[in-house]
Amino acid sequence: MQGTVSTAPRSLTSPPTPSIASSGPIASTRSVSLSNLHTGEQMEAVYWADGDYIPDVLDAVNVQLRDFRTGDVYPIHPQLLDLLDSLNSLTGTRSKFQVISGYRSAATNALLRERSEEVAKHSFHMSGMAIDIRLPDVDLSRLHAAALSLGRGGVGYYPYSNFVHVDVGPVRTWYG
């Protein structure tokens, strides 16, 4: 899927696409570069240009970050992409974000909660507002520090599982 966008029909449950982002870097374009470790799918795309989010790219991101266990697709909050774009700039990475977990259905979240008490009952993953990531060319502690420095949303550090959780919920931090 690299360099392309999905032409799948737009979901009726998609969040409104604001004309001006409320957070994120001031730039003429914003892009996202993802590698889903579970599906092998990759994408690189400009998702915001000329003061607007690009609906077709948001749809493609929804598919890219779907629940890989169930195939369920859910709208990913555009501010989560703005957060990734900011992390990309702060870290200077040349790599795609490796995605461990994007959207999770309620069924998947319940399954994971049975296996680990670290999985939140009302996880922001279930509302398209969270992602678990790493970057192959950035030390995990540096990615964690960059996420903390933004002061936006939740940041969980999981060094033993080799990922950082970021979300666009309330500001908070934890170690897993």
Protein backbone atom coordinates (compact mmCIF):
# COMPACT_ATOMS: atom_id res chain seq x y z
CA MET A 1 0.00 0.00 0.00
CA GLN A 2 3.07 2.20 0.00
CA GLY A 3 2.49 5.54 -1.74
CA THR A 4 -1.18 4.84 -2.35
CA VAL A 5 -4.43 5.48 -0.60
CA SER A 6 -7.47 3.33 -0.23
CA THR A 7 -10.54 4.00 -2.27
CA ALA A 8 -12.75 2.23 0.27
CA PRO A 9 -16.03 3.97 1.00
CA ARG A 10 -15.94 6.48 3.84
CA SER A 11 -17.32 5.11 7.10
CA LEU A 12 -20.50 6.66 8.41
CA THR A 13 -18.91 6.70 11.87
CA SER A 14 -15.88 8.74 10.79
CA PRO A 15 -15.14 11.75 12.96
CA PRO A 16 -15.68 15.16 11.41
CA THR A 17 -12.61 16.41 9.59
CA PRO A 18 -11.84 19.86 10.97
CA SER A 19 -10.55 22.42 8.53
CA ILE A 20 -7.79 23.56 10.87
CA ALA A 21 -6.05 21.24 13.29
CA SER A 22 -6.19 22.19 16.94
CA SER A 23 -2.74 20.79 17.67
CA GLY A 24 0.37 19.70 15.88
CA PRO A 25 3.11 21.41 14.00
CA ILE A 26 2.50 24.42 11.79
CA ALA A 27 3.37 23.21 8.32
CA SER A 28 1.94 23.24 4.82
CA THR A 29 1.72 19.45 4.86
CA ARG A 30 1.73 16.68 7.43
CA SER A 31 2.53 13.09 6.64
CA VAL A 32 2.35 9.66 8.16
CA SER A 33 4.64 6.69 7.57
CA LEU A 34 3.52 3.35 9.03
CA SER A 35 4.56 -0.28 8.96
CA ASN A 36 2.01 -2.64 10.51
CA LEU A 37 4.03 -5.45 12.09
CA HIS A 38 1.07 -7.85 12.16
CA THR A 39 -0.20 -7.47 8.59
CA GLY A 40 3.04 -6.51 6.84
CA GLU A 41 1.24 -3.56 5.25
CA GLN A 42 3.05 -0.26 4.88
CA MET A 43 1.99 3.22 3.92
CA GLU A 44 3.46 6.65 3.45
CA ALA A 45 1.11 9.51 2.72
CA VAL A 46 0.43 13.18 3.21
CA TYR A 47 -2.72 13.27 5.36
CA TRP A 48 -3.03 17.06 5.82
CA ALA A 49 -2.44 19.78 3.24
CA ASP A 50 -3.66 23.30 2.54
CA GLY A 51 -5.22 23.58 6.01
CA ASP A 52 -7.32 20.41 5.73
CA TYR A 53 -7.20 16.72 6.50
CA ILE A 54 -7.41 14.56 3.37
CA PRO A 55 -10.44 12.21 3.74
CA ASP A 56 -9.14 9.46 1.42
CA VAL A 57 -5.87 9.27 3.34
CA LEU A 58 -7.70 9.20 6.68
CA ASP A 59 -9.73 6.27 5.31
CA ALA A 60 -6.51 4.50 4.31
CA VAL A 61 -5.06 5.06 7.79
CA ASN A 62 -8.23 3.57 9.32
CA VAL A 63 -7.63 0.41 7.28
CA GLN A 64 -3.90 0.34 8.03
CA LEU A 65 -4.51 0.59 11.79
CA ARG A 66 -7.50 -1.80 11.91
CA ASP A 67 -7.82 -4.51 14.52
CA PHE A 68 -5.68 -7.18 12.87
CA ARG A 69 -7.29 -9.93 14.94
CA THR A 70 -10.89 -9.23 13.86
CA GLY A 71 -10.45 -7.10 10.74
CA ASP A 72 -12.65 -4.38 12.27
CA VAL A 73 -11.93 -0.89 10.93
CA TYR A 74 -12.61 2.18 13.06
CA PRO A 75 -11.93 5.90 12.50
CA ILE A 76 -8.53 6.92 13.84
CA HIS A 77 -8.57 10.33 15.47
CA PRO A 78 -6.70 12.82 13.24
CA GLN A 79 -4.94 14.32 16.27
CA LEU A 80 -3.20 10.95 16.74
CA LEU A 81 -1.67 11.42 13.29
CA ASP A 82 -0.64 14.96 14.28
CA LEU A 83 1.08 13.46 17.32
CA LEU A 84 2.96 10.96 15.12
CA ASP A 85 3.94 13.77 12.74
CA SER A 86 5.35 15.73 15.70
CA LEU A 87 7.25 12.66 16.93
CA ASN A 88 8.64 12.16 13.45
CA SER A 89 9.97 15.73 13.46
CA LEU A 90 11.35 15.56 17.00
CA THR A 91 13.22 12.29 16.53
CA GLY A 92 14.46 13.00 13.01
CA THR A 93 13.64 9.42 12.05
CA ARG A 94 13.99 8.20 8.51
CA SER A 95 12.00 5.06 9.29
CA LYS A 96 8.35 4.19 9.30
CA PHE A 97 6.65 3.88 12.67
CA GLN A 98 6.41 0.18 13.44
CA VAL A 99 2.86 -0.38 14.64
CA ILE A 100 2.32 -2.95 17.36
CA SER A 101 -1.30 -1.98 18.03
CA GLY A 102 -3.65 0.62 16.58
CA TYR A 103 -7.41 0.25 16.84
CA ARG A 104 -8.70 -2.57 19.05
CA SER A 105 -12.25 -3.86 19.04
CA ALA A 106 -13.96 -4.40 22.40
CA ALA A 107 -13.59 -8.16 21.86
CA THR A 108 -9.84 -7.90 21.25
CA ASN A 109 -9.37 -5.59 24.22
CA ALA A 110 -11.24 -8.04 26.47
CA LEU A 111 -9.07 -10.91 25.20
CA LEU A 112 -5.89 -8.93 25.93
CA ARG A 113 -7.19 -7.96 29.40
CA GLU A 114 -7.58 -11.66 30.20
CA ARG A 115 -3.88 -12.14 29.40
CA SER A 116 -2.49 -9.00 31.08
CA GLU A 117 -3.60 -6.65 33.82
CA GLU A 118 -1.71 -3.86 32.02
CA VAL A 119 -4.50 -3.58 29.41
CA ALA A 120 -6.98 -0.85 30.35
CA LYS A 121 -10.66 -1.80 30.47
CA HIS A 122 -11.60 1.38 28.59
CA SER A 123 -8.47 1.60 26.45
CA PHE A 124 -8.12 4.57 24.11
CA HIS A 125 -7.24 1.97 21.45
CA MET A 126 -10.97 1.14 21.34
CA SER A 127 -11.85 4.68 20.30
CA GLY A 128 -9.12 5.14 17.66
CA MET A 129 -7.16 7.48 19.91
CA ALA A 130 -4.09 5.34 20.76
CA ILE A 131 -1.21 3.55 19.09
CA ASP A 132 1.69 1.39 20.29
CA ILE A 133 4.84 2.10 18.27
CA ARG A 134 8.59 1.92 17.93
CA LEU A 135 11.12 3.24 15.42
CA PRO A 136 13.95 0.99 14.20
CA ASP A 137 16.40 3.90 13.94
CA VAL A 138 15.53 5.63 17.24
CA ASP A 139 16.36 4.24 20.67
CA LEU A 140 13.16 3.43 22.55
CA SER A 141 14.13 5.66 25.50
CA ARG A 142 14.62 8.56 23.08
CA LEU A 143 11.21 7.96 21.48
CA HIS A 144 9.70 7.89 24.97
CA ALA A 145 11.42 11.15 25.92
CA ALA A 146 10.23 12.79 22.70
CA ALA A 147 6.64 11.72 23.38
CA LEU A 148 6.84 13.07 26.95
CA SER A 149 8.29 16.37 25.75
CA LEU A 150 5.20 17.03 23.63
CA GLY A 151 2.98 17.13 26.73
CA ARG A 152 0.02 15.83 24.72
CA GLY A 153 -2.03 12.81 25.78
CA GLY A 154 -0.91 9.63 27.47
CA VAL A 155 2.54 8.13 27.18
CA GLY A 156 3.29 4.59 28.33
CA TYR A 157 6.81 3.18 28.28
CA TYR A 158 7.17 -0.58 27.78
CA PRO A 159 10.92 -1.25 27.47
CA TYR A 160 10.61 -5.02 28.03
CA SER A 161 8.00 -5.31 25.27
CA ASN A 162 9.93 -2.80 23.12
CA PHE A 163 7.25 -0.18 22.43
CA VAL A 164 5.91 3.20 23.46
CA HIS A 165 2.17 3.81 23.79
CA VAL A 166 0.91 7.27 22.81
CA ASP A 167 -2.64 8.51 22.82
CA VAL A 168 -4.60 11.74 22.52
CA GLY A 169 -6.52 11.32 25.77
CA PRO A 170 -5.72 13.21 28.98
CA VAL A 171 -2.05 13.91 29.75
CA ARG A 172 -0.62 11.12 31.93
CA THR A 173 2.39 8.76 32.00
CA TRP A 174 3.14 5.22 33.16
CA TYR A 175 5.68 2.40 32.86
CA GLY A 176 4.71 -1.11 31.79
